[in-house]
PDB file of N, CA and C in Angstrom:
ATOM      1  N   UNK A   1      16.405 -26.542  -1.085  1.00  0.00           N
ATOM      2  CA  UNK A   1      16.951 -26.213  -2.406  1.00  0.00           C
ATOM      3  C   UNK A   1      18.069 -27.427  -2.805  1.00  0.00           C
ATOM      4  N   UNK A   2      17.765 -28.380  -2.482  1.00  0.00           N
ATOM      5  CA  UNK A   2      18.659 -29.636  -2.845  1.00  0.00           C
ATOM      6  C   UNK A   2      18.670 -29.993  -4.369  1.00  0.00           C
ATOM      7  N   UNK A   3      17.575 -29.546  -5.177  1.00  0.00           N
ATOM      8  CA  UNK A   3      17.560 -29.745  -6.785  1.00  0.00           C
ATOM      9  C   UNK A   3      18.096 -28.606  -7.477  1.00  0.00           C
ATOM     10  N   UNK A   4      18.987 -27.699  -6.819  1.00  0.00           N
ATOM     11  CA  UNK A   4      19.404 -26.749  -7.546  1.00  0.00           C
ATOM     12  C   UNK A   4      20.373 -27.318  -8.671  1.00  0.00           C
ATOM     13  N   UNK A   5      20.465 -26.496  -9.741  1.00  0.00           N
ATOM     14  CA  UNK A   5      21.238 -26.947 -10.878  1.00  0.00           C
ATOM     15  C   UNK A   5      22.694 -25.979 -10.896  1.00  0.00           C
ATOM     16  N   UNK A   6      23.694 -26.434 -11.530  1.00  0.00           N
ATOM     17  CA  UNK A   6      24.865 -25.952 -11.561  1.00  0.00           C
ATOM     18  C   UNK A   6      24.754 -24.474 -11.803  1.00  0.00           C
ATOM     19  N   UNK A   7      24.143 -24.136 -12.990  1.00  0.00           N
ATOM     20  CA  UNK A   7      23.805 -22.800 -13.589  1.00  0.00           C
ATOM     21  C   UNK A   7      23.244 -22.091 -12.463  1.00  0.00           C
ATOM     22  N   UNK A   8      22.301 -22.503 -11.783  1.00  0.00           N
ATOM     23  CA  UNK A   8      21.321 -21.758 -10.562  1.00  0.00           C
ATOM     24  C   UNK A   8      22.417 -21.353  -9.617  1.00  0.00           C
ATOM     25  N   UNK A   9      23.115 -22.580  -9.382  1.00  0.00           N
ATOM     26  CA  UNK A   9      24.154 -22.133  -7.957  1.00  0.00           C
ATOM     27  C   UNK A   9      25.011 -21.175  -8.627  1.00  0.00           C
ATOM     28  N   UNK A  10      25.474 -20.989  -9.729  1.00  0.00           N
ATOM     29  CA  UNK A  10      26.578 -19.961 -10.262  1.00  0.00           C
ATOM     30  C   UNK A  10      25.899 -18.624  -9.999  1.00  0.00           C
ATOM     31  N   UNK A  11      24.656 -18.310 -10.148  1.00  0.00           N
ATOM     32  CA  UNK A  11      23.900 -16.865 -10.389  1.00  0.00           C
ATOM     33  C   UNK A  11      23.677 -16.537  -8.707  1.00  0.00           C
ATOM     34  N   UNK A  12      23.253 -17.677  -7.871  1.00  0.00           N
ATOM     35  CA  UNK A  12      23.212 -17.389  -6.452  1.00  0.00           C
ATOM     36  C   UNK A  12      24.493 -17.090  -5.722  1.00  0.00           C
ATOM     37  N   UNK A  13      25.551 -17.684  -6.329  1.00  0.00           N
ATOM     38  CA  UNK A  13      26.957 -17.401  -5.633  1.00  0.00           C
ATOM     39  C   UNK A  13      27.076 -15.808  -6.012  1.00  0.00           C
ATOM     40  N   UNK A  14      26.939 -15.533  -7.688  1.00  0.00           N
ATOM     41  CA  UNK A  14      27.272 -14.071  -7.974  1.00  0.00           C
ATOM     42  C   UNK A  14      26.241 -13.109  -6.928  1.00  0.00           C
ATOM     43  N   UNK A  15      25.086 -13.454  -6.849  1.00  0.00           N
ATOM     44  CA  UNK A  15      24.062 -12.670  -6.172  1.00  0.00           C
ATOM     45  C   UNK A  15      24.901 -12.475  -4.741  1.00  0.00           C
ATOM     46  N   UNK A  16      25.265 -13.512  -4.154  1.00  0.00           N
ATOM     47  CA  UNK A  16      25.779 -13.572  -2.863  1.00  0.00           C
ATOM     48  C   UNK A  16      27.216 -12.676  -2.778  1.00  0.00           C
ATOM     49  N   UNK A  17      28.017 -12.753  -3.903  1.00  0.00           N
ATOM     50  CA  UNK A  17      28.964 -12.087  -4.109  1.00  0.00           C
ATOM     51  C   UNK A  17      28.724 -10.266  -4.051  1.00  0.00           C
ATOM     52  N   UNK A  18      27.737  -9.953  -4.818  1.00  0.00           N
ATOM     53  CA  UNK A  18      27.389  -8.518  -4.873  1.00  0.00           C
ATOM     54  C   UNK A  18      26.986  -8.090  -3.379  1.00  0.00           C
ATOM     55  N   UNK A  19      26.172  -8.785  -2.696  1.00  0.00           N
ATOM     56  CA  UNK A  19      25.949  -8.565  -1.251  1.00  0.00           C
ATOM     57  C   UNK A  19      27.265  -8.279  -0.360  1.00  0.00           C
ATOM     58  N   UNK A  20      28.239  -9.442  -0.328  1.00  0.00           N
ATOM     59  CA  UNK A  20      29.267  -9.357   0.004  1.00  0.00           C
ATOM     60  C   UNK A  20      30.115  -8.148  -0.077  1.00  0.00           C
ATOM     61  N   UNK A  21      30.332  -7.993  -1.422  1.00  0.00           N
ATOM     62  CA  UNK A  21      31.252  -6.871  -1.955  1.00  0.00           C
ATOM     63  C   UNK A  21      30.608  -5.374  -1.380  1.00  0.00           C
ATOM     64  N   UNK A  22      29.293  -5.368  -1.382  1.00  0.00           N
ATOM     65  CA  UNK A  22      28.776  -3.721  -0.727  1.00  0.00           C
ATOM     66  C   UNK A  22      28.812  -3.930   0.507  1.00  0.00           C
ATOM     67  N   UNK A  23      28.846  -4.841   1.327  1.00  0.00           N
ATOM     68  CA  UNK A  23      29.012  -4.918   2.918  1.00  0.00           C
ATOM     69  C   UNK A  23      30.618  -4.651   2.940  1.00  0.00           C
ATOM     70  N   UNK A  24      31.455  -4.939   2.293  1.00  0.00           N
ATOM     71  CA  UNK A  24      32.797  -4.558   2.515  1.00  0.00           C
ATOM     72  C   UNK A  24      33.468  -3.356   2.075  1.00  0.00           C
ATOM     73  N   UNK A  25      32.313  -2.788   1.233  1.00  0.00           N
ATOM     74  CA  UNK A  25      32.566  -1.280   0.748  1.00  0.00           C
ATOM     75  C   UNK A  25      33.258  -1.299  -0.584  1.00  0.00           C
ATOM     76  N   UNK A  26      33.208  -2.589  -1.216  1.00  0.00           N
ATOM     77  CA  UNK A  26      33.684  -2.445  -2.535  1.00  0.00           C
ATOM     78  C   UNK A  26      32.574  -2.505  -3.609  1.00  0.00           C
ATOM     79  N   UNK A  27      32.294  -0.928  -3.588  1.00  0.00           N
ATOM     80  CA  UNK A  27      31.081  -0.943  -4.633  1.00  0.00           C
ATOM     81  C   UNK A  27      31.474  -1.186  -5.936  1.00  0.00           C
ATOM     82  N   UNK A  28      32.754  -0.830  -6.572  1.00  0.00           N
ATOM     83  CA  UNK A  28      32.860  -1.071  -7.857  1.00  0.00           C
ATOM     84  C   UNK A  28      32.801  -2.799  -8.281  1.00  0.00           C
ATOM     85  N   UNK A  29      33.481  -3.623  -7.211  1.00  0.00           N
ATOM     86  CA  UNK A  29      33.230  -4.963  -7.346  1.00  0.00           C
ATOM     87  C   UNK A  29      31.913  -5.230  -7.297  1.00  0.00           C
ATOM     88  N   UNK A  30      31.015  -5.087  -6.635  1.00  0.00           N
ATOM     89  CA  UNK A  30      29.505  -5.159  -6.636  1.00  0.00           C
ATOM     90  C   UNK A  30      28.909  -4.745  -8.166  1.00  0.00           C
ATOM     91  N   UNK A  31      29.387  -3.767  -8.533  1.00  0.00           N
ATOM     92  CA  UNK A  31      28.686  -3.417  -9.806  1.00  0.00           C
ATOM     93  C   UNK A  31      29.195  -4.167 -10.972  1.00  0.00           C
ATOM     94  N   UNK A  32      30.424  -4.603 -10.682  1.00  0.00           N
ATOM     95  CA  UNK A  32      31.254  -5.521 -11.785  1.00  0.00           C
ATOM     96  C   UNK A  32      30.375  -6.766 -11.593  1.00  0.00           C
ATOM     97  N   UNK A  33      30.184  -7.451 -10.506  1.00  0.00           N
ATOM     98  CA  UNK A  33      29.296  -8.719 -10.670  1.00  0.00           C
ATOM     99  C   UNK A  33      27.910  -8.541 -10.846  1.00  0.00           C
ATOM    100  N   UNK A  34      27.448  -7.359 -10.867  1.00  0.00           N
ATOM    101  CA  UNK A  34      26.056  -7.133 -11.163  1.00  0.00           C
ATOM    102  C   UNK A  34      25.859  -7.118 -12.554  1.00  0.00           C
ATOM    103  N   UNK A  35      26.827  -6.381 -13.164  1.00  0.00           N
ATOM    104  CA  UNK A  35      27.198  -6.499 -14.878  1.00  0.00           C
ATOM    105  C   UNK A  35      27.259  -7.953 -15.282  1.00  0.00           C
ATOM    106  N   UNK A  36      28.108  -8.812 -14.767  1.00  0.00           N
ATOM    107  CA  UNK A  36      28.274 -10.183 -15.053  1.00  0.00           C
ATOM    108  C   UNK A  36      27.159 -11.080 -15.174  1.00  0.00           C
ATOM    109  N   UNK A  37      25.816 -10.747 -14.717  1.00  0.00           N
ATOM    110  CA  UNK A  37      24.620 -11.686 -14.780  1.00  0.00           C
ATOM    111  C   UNK A  37      24.408 -11.383 -16.341  1.00  0.00           C
ATOM    112  N   UNK A  38      24.117 -12.677 -16.938  1.00  0.00           N
ATOM    113  CA  UNK A  38      23.828 -12.638 -18.449  1.00  0.00           C
ATOM    114  C   UNK A  38      22.395 -12.092 -18.866  1.00  0.00           C
ATOM    115  N   UNK A  39      21.396 -12.026 -18.038  1.00  0.00           N
ATOM    116  CA  UNK A  39      20.290 -11.281 -18.140  1.00  0.00           C
ATOM    117  C   UNK A  39      19.526 -10.761 -16.850  1.00  0.00           C
ATOM    118  N   UNK A  40      18.589  -9.962 -17.106  1.00  0.00           N
ATOM    119  CA  UNK A  40      17.889  -9.457 -16.192  1.00  0.00           C
ATOM    120  C   UNK A  40      17.041 -10.635 -15.326  1.00  0.00           C
ATOM    121  N   UNK A  41      17.058 -11.851 -16.291  1.00  0.00           N
ATOM    122  CA  UNK A  41      16.060 -12.588 -15.633  1.00  0.00           C
ATOM    123  C   UNK A  41      17.089 -13.585 -14.716  1.00  0.00           C
ATOM    124  N   UNK A  42      18.178 -13.792 -14.899  1.00  0.00           N
ATOM    125  CA  UNK A  42      19.226 -14.293 -14.221  1.00  0.00           C
ATOM    126  C   UNK A  42      19.462 -13.674 -13.041  1.00  0.00           C
ATOM    127  N   UNK A  43      19.566 -12.245 -13.240  1.00  0.00           N
ATOM    128  CA  UNK A  43      19.664 -11.794 -11.840  1.00  0.00           C
ATOM    129  C   UNK A  43      18.565 -11.636 -10.964  1.00  0.00           C
ATOM    130  N   UNK A  44      17.526 -11.546 -11.396  1.00  0.00           N
ATOM    131  CA  UNK A  44      16.252 -11.917 -10.603  1.00  0.00           C
ATOM    132  C   UNK A  44      16.071 -13.165  -9.962  1.00  0.00           C
ATOM    133  N   UNK A  45      16.556 -14.123 -10.855  1.00  0.00           N
ATOM    134  CA  UNK A  45      16.223 -15.653 -10.254  1.00  0.00           C
ATOM    135  C   UNK A  45      17.329 -15.685  -9.206  1.00  0.00           C
ATOM    136  N   UNK A  46      18.534 -15.308  -9.588  1.00  0.00           N
ATOM    137  CA  UNK A  46      19.795 -15.342  -8.550  1.00  0.00           C
ATOM    138  C   UNK A  46      19.351 -14.851  -7.369  1.00  0.00           C
ATOM    139  N   UNK A  47      18.823 -13.469  -7.123  1.00  0.00           N
ATOM    140  CA  UNK A  47      18.394 -12.986  -5.729  1.00  0.00           C
ATOM    141  C   UNK A  47      17.378 -13.508  -5.261  1.00  0.00           C
ATOM    142  N   UNK A  48      16.566 -14.008  -6.060  1.00  0.00           N
ATOM    143  CA  UNK A  48      15.285 -14.647  -5.447  1.00  0.00           C
ATOM    144  C   UNK A  48      15.663 -16.125  -4.873  1.00  0.00           C
ATOM    145  N   UNK A  49      16.504 -16.714  -5.394  1.00  0.00           N
ATOM    146  CA  UNK A  49      17.068 -18.035  -4.877  1.00  0.00           C
ATOM    147  C   UNK A  49      17.823 -17.559  -3.599  1.00  0.00           C
ATOM    148  N   UNK A  50      18.810 -16.677  -3.500  1.00  0.00           N
ATOM    149  CA  UNK A  50      19.362 -16.440  -2.504  1.00  0.00           C
ATOM    150  C   UNK A  50      18.593 -15.967  -1.111  1.00  0.00           C
ATOM    151  N   UNK A  51      17.555 -15.043  -1.612  1.00  0.00           N
ATOM    152  CA  UNK A  51      16.686 -14.800  -0.524  1.00  0.00           C
ATOM    153  C   UNK A  51      15.943 -15.854   0.261  1.00  0.00           C
ATOM    154  N   UNK A  52      15.609 -16.870  -0.752  1.00  0.00           N
ATOM    155  CA  UNK A  52      14.811 -18.137  -0.484  1.00  0.00           C
ATOM    156  C   UNK A  52      15.724 -19.032   0.580  1.00  0.00           C
ATOM    157  N   UNK A  53      17.077 -19.293   0.134  1.00  0.00           N
ATOM    158  CA  UNK A  53      17.853 -19.661   0.942  1.00  0.00           C
ATOM    159  C   UNK A  53      18.290 -19.146   2.119  1.00  0.00           C
ATOM    160  N   UNK A  54      18.719 -17.906   2.227  1.00  0.00           N
ATOM    161  CA  UNK A  54      18.965 -17.158   3.304  1.00  0.00           C
ATOM    162  C   UNK A  54      17.550 -17.340   4.456  1.00  0.00           C
ATOM    163  N   UNK A  55      16.449 -17.383   4.043  1.00  0.00           N
ATOM    164  CA  UNK A  55      15.095 -17.378   4.893  1.00  0.00           C
ATOM    165  C   UNK A  55      14.944 -18.561   5.569  1.00  0.00           C
ATOM    166  N   UNK A  56      15.567 -19.554   4.708  1.00  0.00           N
ATOM    167  CA  UNK A  56      15.499 -21.266   4.921  1.00  0.00           C
ATOM    168  C   UNK A  56      16.484 -21.566   6.148  1.00  0.00           C
ATOM    169  N   UNK A  57      17.760 -20.685   5.938  1.00  0.00           N
ATOM    170  CA  UNK A  57      18.962 -20.627   6.737  1.00  0.00           C
ATOM    171  C   UNK A  57      18.286 -20.273   8.202  1.00  0.00           C
ATOM    172  N   UNK A  58      17.926 -19.141   8.178  1.00  0.00           N
ATOM    173  CA  UNK A  58      17.493 -18.336   9.390  1.00  0.00           C
ATOM    174  C   UNK A  58      16.458 -19.279  10.112  1.00  0.00           C
ATOM    175  N   UNK A  59      15.204 -19.726   9.232  1.00  0.00           N
ATOM    176  CA  UNK A  59      14.258 -20.588   9.928  1.00  0.00           C
ATOM    177  C   UNK A  59      14.799 -21.740  10.565  1.00  0.00           C
ATOM    178  N   UNK A  60      15.837 -22.292   9.949  1.00  0.00           N
ATOM    179  CA  UNK A  60      16.339 -23.682  10.614  1.00  0.00           C
ATOM    180  C   UNK A  60      16.994 -23.240  11.781  1.00  0.00           C
ATOM    181  N   UNK A  61      17.766 -22.195  12.066  1.00  0.00           N
ATOM    182  CA  UNK A  61      18.386 -21.826  13.206  1.00  0.00           C
ATOM    183  C   UNK A  61      17.565 -21.249  14.390  1.00  0.00           C
ATOM    184  N   UNK A  62      16.545 -20.521  13.633  1.00  0.00           N
ATOM    185  CA  UNK A  62      15.523 -19.904  14.744  1.00  0.00           C
ATOM    186  C   UNK A  62      14.339 -20.885  15.277  1.00  0.00           C
ATOM    187  N   UNK A  63      14.122 -21.856  14.316  1.00  0.00           N
ATOM    188  CA  UNK A  63      12.824 -22.521  14.482  1.00  0.00           C
ATOM    189  C   UNK A  63      11.559 -21.872  14.129  1.00  0.00           C
ATOM    190  N   UNK A  64      11.693 -20.700  13.249  1.00  0.00           N
ATOM    191  CA  UNK A  64      10.591 -20.115  12.782  1.00  0.00           C
ATOM    192  C   UNK A  64      10.316 -20.711  11.451  1.00  0.00           C
ATOM    193  N   UNK A  65       9.080 -20.495  11.107  1.00  0.00           N
ATOM    194  CA  UNK A  65       8.586 -20.955   9.783  1.00  0.00           C
ATOM    195  C   UNK A  65       9.386 -19.794   8.790  1.00  0.00           C
ATOM    196  N   UNK A  66       9.246 -20.049   7.554  1.00  0.00           N
ATOM    197  CA  UNK A  66       9.479 -19.012   6.464  1.00  0.00           C
ATOM    198  C   UNK A  66       8.363 -17.914   6.433  1.00  0.00           C
ATOM    199  N   UNK A  67       7.262 -18.548   6.466  1.00  0.00           N
ATOM    200  CA  UNK A  67       5.921 -17.674   6.530  1.00  0.00           C
ATOM    201  C   UNK A  67       6.269 -16.669   7.716  1.00  0.00           C
ATOM    202  N   UNK A  68       6.577 -16.938   8.990  1.00  0.00           N
ATOM    203  CA  UNK A  68       6.682 -16.072  10.075  1.00  0.00           C
ATOM    204  C   UNK A  68       7.757 -15.130   9.836  1.00  0.00           C
ATOM    205  N   UNK A  69       8.952 -15.611   9.163  1.00  0.00           N
ATOM    206  CA  UNK A  69      10.063 -14.778   8.890  1.00  0.00           C
ATOM    207  C   UNK A  69       9.611 -13.689   7.917  1.00  0.00           C
ATOM    208  N   UNK A  70       8.880 -13.899   7.109  1.00  0.00           N
ATOM    209  CA  UNK A  70       8.551 -13.153   5.890  1.00  0.00           C
ATOM    210  C   UNK A  70       7.584 -12.059   6.603  1.00  0.00           C
ATOM    211  N   UNK A  71       6.743 -12.600   7.355  1.00  0.00           N
ATOM    212  CA  UNK A  71       5.655 -11.507   8.059  1.00  0.00           C
ATOM    213  C   UNK A  71       6.570 -10.595   8.887  1.00  0.00           C
ATOM    214  N   UNK A  72       7.603 -11.300   9.760  1.00  0.00           N
ATOM    215  CA  UNK A  72       8.195 -10.258  10.358  1.00  0.00           C
ATOM    216  C   UNK A  72       9.181  -9.326   9.632  1.00  0.00           C
ATOM    217  N   UNK A  73       9.711  -9.631   8.618  1.00  0.00           N
ATOM    218  CA  UNK A  73      10.397  -8.943   7.590  1.00  0.00           C
ATOM    219  C   UNK A  73       9.428  -7.682   7.080  1.00  0.00           C
ATOM    220  N   UNK A  74       8.274  -8.091   6.781  1.00  0.00           N
ATOM    221  CA  UNK A  74       7.208  -7.130   6.266  1.00  0.00           C
ATOM    222  C   UNK A  74       7.155  -5.909   7.326  1.00  0.00           C
ATOM    223  N   UNK A  75       6.975  -6.331   8.530  1.00  0.00           N
ATOM    224  CA  UNK A  75       6.490  -5.566   9.487  1.00  0.00           C
ATOM    225  C   UNK A  75       7.703  -4.804   9.649  1.00  0.00           C
ATOM    226  N   UNK A  76       8.883  -4.966   9.839  1.00  0.00           N
ATOM    227  CA  UNK A  76      10.183  -4.267   9.910  1.00  0.00           C
ATOM    228  C   UNK A  76      10.275  -3.171   8.693  1.00  0.00           C
ATOM    229  N   UNK A  77      10.011  -3.654   7.623  1.00  0.00           N
ATOM    230  CA  UNK A  77      10.098  -2.568   6.295  1.00  0.00           C
ATOM    231  C   UNK A  77       8.843  -1.785   6.525  1.00  0.00           C
ATOM    232  N   UNK A  78       7.714  -2.311   6.818  1.00  0.00           N
ATOM    233  CA  UNK A  78       6.761  -1.086   6.939  1.00  0.00           C
ATOM    234  C   UNK A  78       7.042  -0.161   7.993  1.00  0.00           C
ATOM    235  N   UNK A  79       7.554  -0.586   9.150  1.00  0.00           N
ATOM    236  CA  UNK A  79       7.802   0.171  10.340  1.00  0.00           C
ATOM    237  C   UNK A  79       8.933   1.260   9.651  1.00  0.00           C
ATOM    238  N   UNK A  80       9.958   0.750   9.098  1.00  0.00           N
ATOM    239  CA  UNK A  80      10.892   1.592   8.742  1.00  0.00           C
ATOM    240  C   UNK A  80      10.748   2.424   7.489  1.00  0.00           C
ATOM    241  N   UNK A  81       9.610   2.337   6.715  1.00  0.00           N
ATOM    242  CA  UNK A  81       9.038   3.223   5.663  1.00  0.00           C
ATOM    243  C   UNK A  81       8.334   4.284   6.484  1.00  0.00           C
ATOM    244  N   UNK A  82       7.984   3.974   7.722  1.00  0.00           N
ATOM    245  CA  UNK A  82       7.244   5.249   8.437  1.00  0.00           C
ATOM    246  C   UNK A  82       8.098   6.013   9.139  1.00  0.00           C
ATOM    247  N   UNK A  83       9.581   5.693   9.483  1.00  0.00           N
ATOM    248  CA  UNK A  83      10.325   6.307  10.226  1.00  0.00           C
ATOM    249  C   UNK A  83      11.311   6.992   9.314  1.00  0.00           C
ATOM    250  N   UNK A  84      11.136   8.420   9.701  1.00  0.00           N
ATOM    251  CA  UNK A  84      11.919   9.448   8.885  1.00  0.00           C
ATOM    252  C   UNK A  84      13.450   9.321   9.015  1.00  0.00           C
ATOM    253  N   UNK A  85      14.377   9.142   7.796  1.00  0.00           N
ATOM    254  CA  UNK A  85      15.742   9.003   8.060  1.00  0.00           C
ATOM    255  C   UNK A  85      16.207   9.996   9.015  1.00  0.00           C
ATOM    256  N   UNK A  86      17.373   9.505   9.573  1.00  0.00           N
ATOM    257  CA  UNK A  86      17.873  10.487  10.594  1.00  0.00           C
ATOM    258  C   UNK A  86      19.030  11.480   9.871  1.00  0.00           C
TER     259      UNK A  86
END
């Protein structure tokens, strides 16, 4: 992601802020950041780019390919969908 534009970097940072706010329990802040996206397309692009960046970082740290990480994530999601909530 070395060719990211300043506008794309801003929406990725906003997406990361939404996740950070939710994890610290600031639901109002997360909602405010979500509402600050200019459009649904910007929101989608921001979270897509954030996921792409995050998978790349995990892959670089673990030595796994992004394809392997996505496969593992898909299996975890499928398993979670099969497990009834506690």
